[in-house]
């Protein structure tokens, strides 16, 4: 977490917090929960906790990307759901980091599309230009998530 990644669609992975709770059948095959089971990296995946060591990484990535004149893609919720209610206390600080890293394109994907609008920063406006919001729909009955995320003003969905 917080380093270069082998994920083809991202340059870095980042979790401001770690942990989640199940919201639907799609959580049954959660890769983050599987990661936890195999590594025991954190004692309890089902309790959302602030990550301790990764918060400084984006500043370094920003400096490096800016120096090279490029934009790096960050998979921004690698071991969590960025919009999980249990992370409300830290999200404002996380948004500050996202805002201060224009050479990082943050990809946030959630199963909690209905919670996104209420968890955006006050200066969001029509969206930060370096944030991509997405959702997953593992079954037809969750297609409503697409409508919910499309209603959120964003530079990219």
N, C-alpha and C. Protein backbone atom coordinates (compact mmCIF):
# COMPACT_ATOMS: atom_id res chain seq x y z
N UNK A 1 0.84 -1.18 0.00
CA UNK A 1 0.00 0.00 0.00
C UNK A 1 0.88 1.24 0.00
N UNK A 2 0.54 2.22 -0.81
CA UNK A 2 1.25 3.46 -0.81
C UNK A 2 2.50 3.46 -1.68
N UNK A 3 2.74 2.44 -2.44
CA UNK A 3 3.93 2.37 -3.28
C UNK A 3 3.53 2.19 -4.72
N UNK A 4 4.58 2.07 -5.57
CA UNK A 4 4.32 1.69 -6.95
C UNK A 4 3.54 0.39 -6.92
N UNK A 5 2.73 0.17 -7.93
CA UNK A 5 1.85 -0.99 -7.93
C UNK A 5 2.01 -1.81 -9.19
N UNK A 6 1.64 -3.06 -9.10
CA UNK A 6 1.62 -3.92 -10.28
C UNK A 6 0.27 -3.86 -10.99
N UNK A 7 -0.65 -3.07 -10.47
CA UNK A 7 -1.95 -2.90 -11.09
C UNK A 7 -1.75 -2.15 -12.41
N UNK A 8 -2.19 -2.73 -13.51
CA UNK A 8 -1.97 -2.15 -14.84
C UNK A 8 -2.56 -0.76 -15.00
N UNK A 9 -3.65 -0.49 -14.33
CA UNK A 9 -4.38 0.76 -14.55
C UNK A 9 -4.03 1.85 -13.55
N UNK A 10 -2.94 1.67 -12.79
CA UNK A 10 -2.56 2.67 -11.80
C UNK A 10 -1.04 2.70 -11.64
N UNK A 11 -0.54 3.85 -11.24
CA UNK A 11 0.89 3.99 -10.94
C UNK A 11 1.17 3.77 -9.46
N UNK A 12 0.18 4.10 -8.62
CA UNK A 12 0.33 3.98 -7.17
C UNK A 12 -0.97 3.47 -6.58
N UNK A 13 -0.87 2.92 -5.39
CA UNK A 13 -2.06 2.60 -4.60
C UNK A 13 -1.97 3.39 -3.30
N UNK A 14 -3.12 3.74 -2.78
CA UNK A 14 -3.15 4.53 -1.55
C UNK A 14 -4.42 4.22 -0.78
N UNK A 15 -4.25 4.01 0.50
CA UNK A 15 -5.39 3.92 1.40
C UNK A 15 -5.14 4.86 2.56
N UNK A 16 -6.02 5.83 2.72
CA UNK A 16 -5.91 6.73 3.86
C UNK A 16 -6.36 6.03 5.13
N UNK A 17 -7.23 5.05 4.98
CA UNK A 17 -7.67 4.21 6.09
C UNK A 17 -7.77 2.79 5.57
N UNK A 18 -7.91 1.88 6.50
CA UNK A 18 -7.93 0.46 6.15
C UNK A 18 -9.14 -0.16 6.81
N UNK A 19 -9.85 -0.97 6.04
CA UNK A 19 -11.00 -1.68 6.58
C UNK A 19 -12.28 -1.26 5.89
N UNK A 20 -13.30 -2.06 6.11
CA UNK A 20 -14.56 -1.83 5.43
C UNK A 20 -15.64 -2.62 6.16
N UNK A 21 -16.81 -2.62 5.61
CA UNK A 21 -17.90 -3.49 6.07
C UNK A 21 -18.72 -3.84 4.84
N UNK A 22 -19.29 -5.00 4.87
CA UNK A 22 -20.02 -5.50 3.70
C UNK A 22 -21.32 -4.74 3.50
N UNK A 23 -21.59 -4.42 2.23
CA UNK A 23 -22.84 -3.74 1.89
C UNK A 23 -23.67 -4.54 0.89
N UNK A 24 -23.06 -5.54 0.22
CA UNK A 24 -23.81 -6.30 -0.77
C UNK A 24 -23.08 -7.60 -1.10
N UNK A 25 -23.69 -8.37 -1.95
CA UNK A 25 -23.12 -9.67 -2.34
C UNK A 25 -21.74 -9.54 -2.99
N UNK A 26 -21.48 -8.43 -3.64
CA UNK A 26 -20.19 -8.21 -4.29
C UNK A 26 -19.03 -8.17 -3.30
N UNK A 27 -19.33 -7.93 -2.05
CA UNK A 27 -18.28 -7.88 -1.03
C UNK A 27 -17.76 -9.27 -0.68
N UNK A 28 -18.48 -10.30 -1.09
CA UNK A 28 -18.07 -11.67 -0.79
C UNK A 28 -16.68 -11.98 -1.36
N UNK A 29 -16.36 -11.40 -2.50
CA UNK A 29 -15.08 -11.66 -3.15
C UNK A 29 -14.14 -10.45 -3.08
N UNK A 30 -14.23 -9.68 -2.04
CA UNK A 30 -13.44 -8.47 -1.89
C UNK A 30 -11.95 -8.80 -1.85
N UNK A 31 -11.19 -8.20 -2.77
CA UNK A 31 -9.75 -8.47 -2.79
C UNK A 31 -9.06 -7.89 -1.56
N UNK A 32 -9.54 -6.77 -1.04
CA UNK A 32 -8.91 -6.18 0.14
C UNK A 32 -9.09 -7.08 1.35
N UNK A 33 -10.27 -7.66 1.49
CA UNK A 33 -10.50 -8.58 2.60
C UNK A 33 -9.65 -9.83 2.41
N UNK A 34 -9.50 -10.29 1.18
CA UNK A 34 -8.63 -11.44 0.90
C UNK A 34 -7.19 -11.11 1.25
N UNK A 35 -6.75 -9.91 0.90
CA UNK A 35 -5.40 -9.46 1.23
C UNK A 35 -5.19 -9.54 2.73
N UNK A 36 -6.19 -9.07 3.47
CA UNK A 36 -6.11 -9.10 4.93
C UNK A 36 -6.00 -10.54 5.44
N UNK A 37 -6.82 -11.43 4.91
CA UNK A 37 -6.79 -12.82 5.37
C UNK A 37 -5.43 -13.47 5.16
N UNK A 38 -4.81 -13.18 4.02
CA UNK A 38 -3.54 -13.83 3.70
C UNK A 38 -2.34 -13.18 4.37
N UNK A 39 -2.43 -11.88 4.68
CA UNK A 39 -1.27 -11.20 5.25
C UNK A 39 -1.40 -10.92 6.73
N UNK A 40 -2.62 -10.89 7.23
CA UNK A 40 -2.87 -10.50 8.63
C UNK A 40 -2.22 -9.16 8.94
N UNK A 41 -2.17 -8.31 7.90
CA UNK A 41 -1.53 -7.01 8.01
C UNK A 41 -2.19 -6.13 9.06
N UNK A 42 -3.48 -6.25 9.17
CA UNK A 42 -4.22 -5.52 10.19
C UNK A 42 -5.07 -6.53 10.96
N UNK A 43 -5.18 -6.43 12.25
CA UNK A 43 -5.87 -7.47 13.03
C UNK A 43 -7.34 -7.66 12.70
N UNK A 44 -8.04 -6.60 12.32
CA UNK A 44 -9.48 -6.71 12.10
C UNK A 44 -9.89 -5.88 10.89
N UNK A 45 -10.08 -6.53 9.77
CA UNK A 45 -10.44 -5.81 8.55
C UNK A 45 -11.79 -5.12 8.65
N UNK A 46 -12.67 -5.62 9.47
CA UNK A 46 -14.05 -5.10 9.54
C UNK A 46 -14.18 -3.88 10.44
N UNK A 47 -13.08 -3.40 10.98
CA UNK A 47 -13.07 -2.14 11.73
C UNK A 47 -12.23 -1.15 10.94
N UNK A 48 -12.80 -0.03 10.56
CA UNK A 48 -12.09 0.97 9.76
C UNK A 48 -11.13 1.74 10.67
N UNK A 49 -9.85 1.75 10.26
CA UNK A 49 -8.81 2.42 11.04
C UNK A 49 -7.98 3.32 10.13
N UNK A 50 -7.54 4.44 10.64
CA UNK A 50 -6.67 5.35 9.89
C UNK A 50 -5.35 4.64 9.61
N UNK A 51 -4.87 4.75 8.37
CA UNK A 51 -3.56 4.21 8.04
C UNK A 51 -2.50 5.07 8.72
N UNK A 52 -1.42 4.44 9.16
CA UNK A 52 -0.43 5.17 9.94
C UNK A 52 0.75 5.68 9.13
N UNK A 53 1.09 5.03 8.03
CA UNK A 53 2.37 5.31 7.39
C UNK A 53 2.29 5.87 5.98
N UNK A 54 1.12 6.04 5.42
CA UNK A 54 1.04 6.37 3.99
C UNK A 54 0.67 7.81 3.67
N UNK A 55 0.31 8.60 4.63
CA UNK A 55 -0.23 9.93 4.35
C UNK A 55 0.77 10.87 3.70
N UNK A 56 2.06 10.63 3.83
CA UNK A 56 3.07 11.50 3.22
C UNK A 56 3.40 11.10 1.79
N UNK A 57 3.07 9.90 1.40
CA UNK A 57 3.43 9.40 0.07
C UNK A 57 2.94 10.28 -1.07
N UNK A 58 1.69 10.74 -1.07
CA UNK A 58 1.22 11.54 -2.21
C UNK A 58 2.05 12.80 -2.47
N UNK A 59 2.59 13.43 -1.43
CA UNK A 59 3.41 14.63 -1.65
C UNK A 59 4.65 14.28 -2.46
N UNK A 60 5.27 13.14 -2.17
CA UNK A 60 6.44 12.69 -2.93
C UNK A 60 6.05 12.35 -4.36
N UNK A 61 4.96 11.63 -4.52
CA UNK A 61 4.50 11.27 -5.87
C UNK A 61 4.21 12.54 -6.68
N UNK A 62 3.60 13.53 -6.03
CA UNK A 62 3.30 14.80 -6.70
C UNK A 62 4.59 15.47 -7.17
N UNK A 63 5.58 15.57 -6.29
CA UNK A 63 6.85 16.19 -6.67
C UNK A 63 7.49 15.46 -7.85
N UNK A 64 7.52 14.13 -7.78
CA UNK A 64 8.13 13.34 -8.85
C UNK A 64 7.39 13.50 -10.17
N UNK A 65 6.06 13.43 -10.13
CA UNK A 65 5.26 13.54 -11.36
C UNK A 65 5.40 14.94 -11.95
N UNK A 66 5.35 15.97 -11.11
CA UNK A 66 5.49 17.34 -11.60
C UNK A 66 6.86 17.55 -12.24
N UNK A 67 7.91 17.02 -11.62
CA UNK A 67 9.27 17.17 -12.15
C UNK A 67 9.40 16.50 -13.51
N UNK A 68 8.65 15.43 -13.72
CA UNK A 68 8.71 14.72 -14.99
C UNK A 68 7.68 15.23 -15.99
N UNK A 69 6.84 16.19 -15.56
CA UNK A 69 5.83 16.75 -16.44
C UNK A 69 4.76 15.74 -16.82
N UNK A 70 4.38 14.90 -15.88
CA UNK A 70 3.38 13.88 -16.18
C UNK A 70 2.33 13.82 -15.07
N UNK A 71 1.32 13.01 -15.31
CA UNK A 71 0.28 12.76 -14.33
C UNK A 71 0.31 11.27 -14.00
N UNK A 72 0.41 10.96 -12.73
CA UNK A 72 0.35 9.57 -12.27
C UNK A 72 -1.06 9.25 -11.79
N UNK A 73 -1.47 8.01 -12.00
CA UNK A 73 -2.79 7.56 -11.58
C UNK A 73 -2.67 6.87 -10.23
N UNK A 74 -3.52 7.26 -9.30
CA UNK A 74 -3.53 6.66 -7.96
C UNK A 74 -4.85 5.91 -7.77
N UNK A 75 -4.73 4.63 -7.49
CA UNK A 75 -5.89 3.84 -7.08
C UNK A 75 -6.11 4.21 -5.64
N UNK A 76 -7.09 5.09 -5.40
CA UNK A 76 -7.22 5.79 -4.13
C UNK A 76 -8.00 5.12 -3.04
N UNK A 77 -8.34 3.90 -3.16
CA UNK A 77 -9.01 3.23 -2.05
C UNK A 77 -8.70 1.74 -2.12
N UNK A 78 -7.45 1.49 -2.05
CA UNK A 78 -6.95 0.14 -2.29
C UNK A 78 -7.37 -0.86 -1.21
N UNK A 79 -7.44 -0.44 0.05
CA UNK A 79 -7.81 -1.37 1.13
C UNK A 79 -8.98 -0.84 1.95
N UNK A 80 -9.87 -0.12 1.28
CA UNK A 80 -10.99 0.49 1.99
C UNK A 80 -12.04 0.95 0.98
N UNK A 81 -13.07 1.57 1.47
CA UNK A 81 -14.02 2.30 0.64
C UNK A 81 -13.91 3.76 1.08
N UNK A 82 -13.45 4.63 0.18
CA UNK A 82 -13.19 6.03 0.52
C UNK A 82 -14.41 6.70 1.13
N UNK A 83 -15.61 6.25 0.80
CA UNK A 83 -16.83 6.90 1.27
C UNK A 83 -17.50 6.16 2.43
N UNK A 84 -16.77 5.27 3.07
CA UNK A 84 -17.30 4.55 4.23
C UNK A 84 -17.58 5.55 5.36
N UNK A 85 -18.74 5.50 5.98
CA UNK A 85 -19.08 6.46 7.04
C UNK A 85 -18.11 6.45 8.22
N UNK A 86 -17.49 5.31 8.50
CA UNK A 86 -16.57 5.23 9.64
C UNK A 86 -15.30 6.04 9.43
N UNK A 87 -15.07 6.53 8.21
CA UNK A 87 -13.88 7.33 7.91
C UNK A 87 -14.18 8.82 7.85
N UNK A 88 -15.37 9.22 8.20
CA UNK A 88 -15.75 10.63 8.10
C UNK A 88 -14.77 11.56 8.82
N UNK A 89 -14.24 11.13 9.94
CA UNK A 89 -13.35 11.99 10.74
C UNK A 89 -12.03 12.30 10.05
N UNK A 90 -11.60 11.48 9.10
CA UNK A 90 -10.32 11.68 8.42
C UNK A 90 -10.47 12.19 6.98
N UNK A 91 -11.69 12.10 6.44
CA UNK A 91 -11.87 12.38 5.02
C UNK A 91 -11.51 13.82 4.65
N UNK A 92 -11.79 14.79 5.49
CA UNK A 92 -11.45 16.18 5.18
C UNK A 92 -9.96 16.35 4.96
N UNK A 93 -9.16 15.74 5.79
CA UNK A 93 -7.70 15.80 5.63
C UNK A 93 -7.27 15.09 4.34
N UNK A 94 -7.91 13.98 4.04
CA UNK A 94 -7.60 13.26 2.80
C UNK A 94 -7.94 14.12 1.58
N UNK A 95 -9.11 14.78 1.61
CA UNK A 95 -9.47 15.66 0.49
C UNK A 95 -8.43 16.77 0.33
N UNK A 96 -7.87 17.27 1.42
CA UNK A 96 -6.84 18.29 1.35
C UNK A 96 -5.61 17.79 0.59
N UNK A 97 -5.24 16.55 0.84
CA UNK A 97 -4.10 15.96 0.13
C UNK A 97 -4.43 15.79 -1.35
N UNK A 98 -5.63 15.31 -1.63
CA UNK A 98 -6.05 15.14 -3.03
C UNK A 98 -6.01 16.48 -3.75
N UNK A 99 -6.53 17.51 -3.12
CA UNK A 99 -6.57 18.86 -3.71
C UNK A 99 -5.16 19.38 -3.99
N UNK A 100 -4.21 19.04 -3.14
CA UNK A 100 -2.85 19.58 -3.26
C UNK A 100 -1.94 18.78 -4.19
N UNK A 101 -2.51 17.81 -4.89
CA UNK A 101 -1.69 16.95 -5.77
C UNK A 101 -2.25 16.95 -7.19
N UNK A 102 -2.13 18.07 -7.92
CA UNK A 102 -2.73 18.16 -9.26
C UNK A 102 -2.10 17.22 -10.29
N UNK A 103 -0.91 16.71 -10.02
CA UNK A 103 -0.28 15.78 -10.96
C UNK A 103 -0.59 14.33 -10.62
N UNK A 104 -1.53 14.13 -9.72
CA UNK A 104 -2.02 12.79 -9.40
C UNK A 104 -3.49 12.72 -9.75
N UNK A 105 -3.86 11.75 -10.56
CA UNK A 105 -5.26 11.51 -10.90
C UNK A 105 -5.77 10.44 -9.95
N UNK A 106 -6.65 10.83 -9.06
CA UNK A 106 -7.17 9.94 -8.03
C UNK A 106 -8.40 9.21 -8.54
N UNK A 107 -8.40 7.90 -8.46
CA UNK A 107 -9.55 7.07 -8.84
C UNK A 107 -10.17 6.50 -7.58
N UNK A 108 -11.39 6.92 -7.29
CA UNK A 108 -12.13 6.41 -6.13
C UNK A 108 -13.33 5.61 -6.63
N UNK A 109 -13.38 4.36 -6.26
CA UNK A 109 -14.49 3.48 -6.64
C UNK A 109 -15.18 3.03 -5.37
N UNK A 110 -16.50 3.07 -5.37
CA UNK A 110 -17.25 2.76 -4.16
C UNK A 110 -18.48 1.92 -4.47
N UNK A 111 -18.91 1.16 -3.50
CA UNK A 111 -20.23 0.52 -3.56
C UNK A 111 -21.25 1.40 -2.82
N UNK A 112 -20.78 2.47 -2.23
CA UNK A 112 -21.63 3.39 -1.46
C UNK A 112 -21.92 4.66 -2.25
N UNK A 113 -22.34 4.51 -3.49
CA UNK A 113 -22.57 5.65 -4.38
C UNK A 113 -23.59 6.63 -3.80
N UNK A 114 -24.51 6.13 -3.01
CA UNK A 114 -25.54 6.98 -2.42
C UNK A 114 -24.98 7.89 -1.32
N UNK A 115 -23.77 7.63 -0.85
CA UNK A 115 -23.17 8.43 0.22
C UNK A 115 -22.18 9.48 -0.29
N UNK A 116 -21.80 9.39 -1.55
CA UNK A 116 -20.73 10.24 -2.08
C UNK A 116 -21.06 11.72 -1.96
N UNK A 117 -22.20 12.15 -2.42
CA UNK A 117 -22.54 13.58 -2.45
C UNK A 117 -22.42 14.23 -1.07
N UNK A 118 -22.77 13.51 -0.02
CA UNK A 118 -22.70 14.07 1.33
C UNK A 118 -21.29 14.05 1.91
N UNK A 119 -20.35 13.48 1.20
CA UNK A 119 -18.98 13.37 1.72
C UNK A 119 -17.96 14.09 0.84
N UNK A 120 -18.45 15.02 0.06
CA UNK A 120 -17.56 15.83 -0.77
C UNK A 120 -17.14 17.08 0.00
N UNK A 121 -15.95 17.61 -0.29
CA UNK A 121 -15.51 18.82 0.42
C UNK A 121 -16.31 20.05 -0.01
N UNK A 122 -16.32 21.05 0.83
CA UNK A 122 -17.12 22.26 0.58
C UNK A 122 -16.72 22.96 -0.72
N UNK A 123 -15.46 22.85 -1.13
CA UNK A 123 -15.01 23.54 -2.34
C UNK A 123 -15.06 22.64 -3.58
N UNK A 124 -15.80 21.57 -3.53
CA UNK A 124 -15.87 20.59 -4.63
C UNK A 124 -16.40 21.21 -5.92
N UNK A 125 -17.42 22.05 -5.82
CA UNK A 125 -18.02 22.67 -7.01
C UNK A 125 -18.48 21.63 -8.02
N UNK A 126 -17.92 21.68 -9.23
CA UNK A 126 -18.27 20.70 -10.26
C UNK A 126 -17.28 19.53 -10.26
N UNK A 127 -16.47 19.47 -9.23
CA UNK A 127 -15.51 18.38 -9.10
C UNK A 127 -14.08 18.85 -9.19
N UNK A 128 -13.20 18.15 -8.51
CA UNK A 128 -11.77 18.43 -8.66
C UNK A 128 -11.34 17.84 -10.00
N UNK A 129 -10.51 18.54 -10.74
CA UNK A 129 -10.10 18.03 -12.05
C UNK A 129 -9.24 16.76 -11.98
N UNK A 130 -8.72 16.45 -10.81
CA UNK A 130 -7.85 15.28 -10.67
C UNK A 130 -8.52 14.12 -9.93
N UNK A 131 -9.86 14.11 -9.93
CA UNK A 131 -10.58 13.02 -9.26
C UNK A 131 -11.55 12.37 -10.23
N UNK A 132 -11.50 11.07 -10.28
CA UNK A 132 -12.42 10.24 -11.06
C UNK A 132 -13.25 9.45 -10.06
N UNK A 133 -14.57 9.58 -10.13
CA UNK A 133 -15.47 8.85 -9.24
C UNK A 133 -16.10 7.69 -9.99
N UNK A 134 -16.11 6.54 -9.37
CA UNK A 134 -16.71 5.37 -9.99
C UNK A 134 -17.44 4.53 -8.96
N UNK A 135 -18.20 3.59 -9.48
CA UNK A 135 -18.91 2.66 -8.61
C UNK A 135 -18.88 1.28 -9.26
N UNK A 136 -19.22 0.29 -8.50
CA UNK A 136 -19.32 -1.06 -9.03
C UNK A 136 -20.75 -1.56 -8.86
N UNK A 137 -21.18 -2.37 -9.80
CA UNK A 137 -22.53 -2.94 -9.80
C UNK A 137 -22.40 -4.43 -10.11
N UNK A 138 -22.30 -5.22 -9.08
CA UNK A 138 -22.06 -6.64 -9.27
C UNK A 138 -23.29 -7.43 -9.71
N UNK A 139 -24.46 -6.84 -9.55
CA UNK A 139 -25.71 -7.49 -9.95
C UNK A 139 -26.67 -6.42 -10.47
N UNK A 140 -27.64 -6.85 -11.25
CA UNK A 140 -28.61 -5.91 -11.81
C UNK A 140 -29.30 -5.07 -10.74
N UNK A 141 -29.56 -5.67 -9.61
CA UNK A 141 -30.28 -4.92 -8.57
C UNK A 141 -29.47 -3.76 -8.00
N UNK A 142 -28.19 -3.66 -8.35
CA UNK A 142 -27.36 -2.55 -7.89
C UNK A 142 -27.05 -1.54 -8.99
N UNK A 143 -27.74 -1.65 -10.10
CA UNK A 143 -27.53 -0.68 -11.18
C UNK A 143 -27.91 0.74 -10.75
N UNK A 144 -28.72 0.87 -9.70
CA UNK A 144 -29.07 2.19 -9.19
C UNK A 144 -27.83 2.97 -8.79
N UNK A 145 -26.75 2.27 -8.47
CA UNK A 145 -25.50 2.95 -8.10
C UNK A 145 -24.98 3.82 -9.24
N UNK A 146 -25.17 3.35 -10.47
CA UNK A 146 -24.74 4.14 -11.63
C UNK A 146 -25.47 5.48 -11.67
N UNK A 147 -26.78 5.44 -11.46
CA UNK A 147 -27.56 6.68 -11.44
C UNK A 147 -27.11 7.59 -10.30
N UNK A 148 -26.85 6.99 -9.14
CA UNK A 148 -26.45 7.78 -7.97
C UNK A 148 -25.11 8.48 -8.23
N UNK A 149 -24.15 7.77 -8.78
CA UNK A 149 -22.82 8.38 -9.00
C UNK A 149 -22.88 9.42 -10.13
N UNK A 150 -23.72 9.18 -11.13
CA UNK A 150 -23.84 10.16 -12.23
C UNK A 150 -24.45 11.47 -11.75
N UNK A 151 -25.20 11.46 -10.68
CA UNK A 151 -25.82 12.68 -10.16
C UNK A 151 -24.80 13.57 -9.42
N UNK A 152 -23.67 12.99 -9.07
CA UNK A 152 -22.64 13.75 -8.36
C UNK A 152 -21.83 14.55 -9.37
N UNK A 153 -21.72 15.86 -9.19
CA UNK A 153 -20.90 16.63 -10.12
C UNK A 153 -19.45 16.17 -10.01
N UNK A 154 -18.83 15.89 -11.14
CA UNK A 154 -17.45 15.40 -11.14
C UNK A 154 -16.78 15.71 -12.47
N UNK A 155 -15.48 15.87 -12.42
CA UNK A 155 -14.71 16.08 -13.65
C UNK A 155 -14.77 14.82 -14.51
N UNK A 156 -14.82 13.66 -13.87
CA UNK A 156 -14.90 12.40 -14.60
C UNK A 156 -15.63 11.36 -13.76
N UNK A 157 -16.46 10.56 -14.44
CA UNK A 157 -17.14 9.42 -13.82
C UNK A 157 -16.62 8.17 -14.47
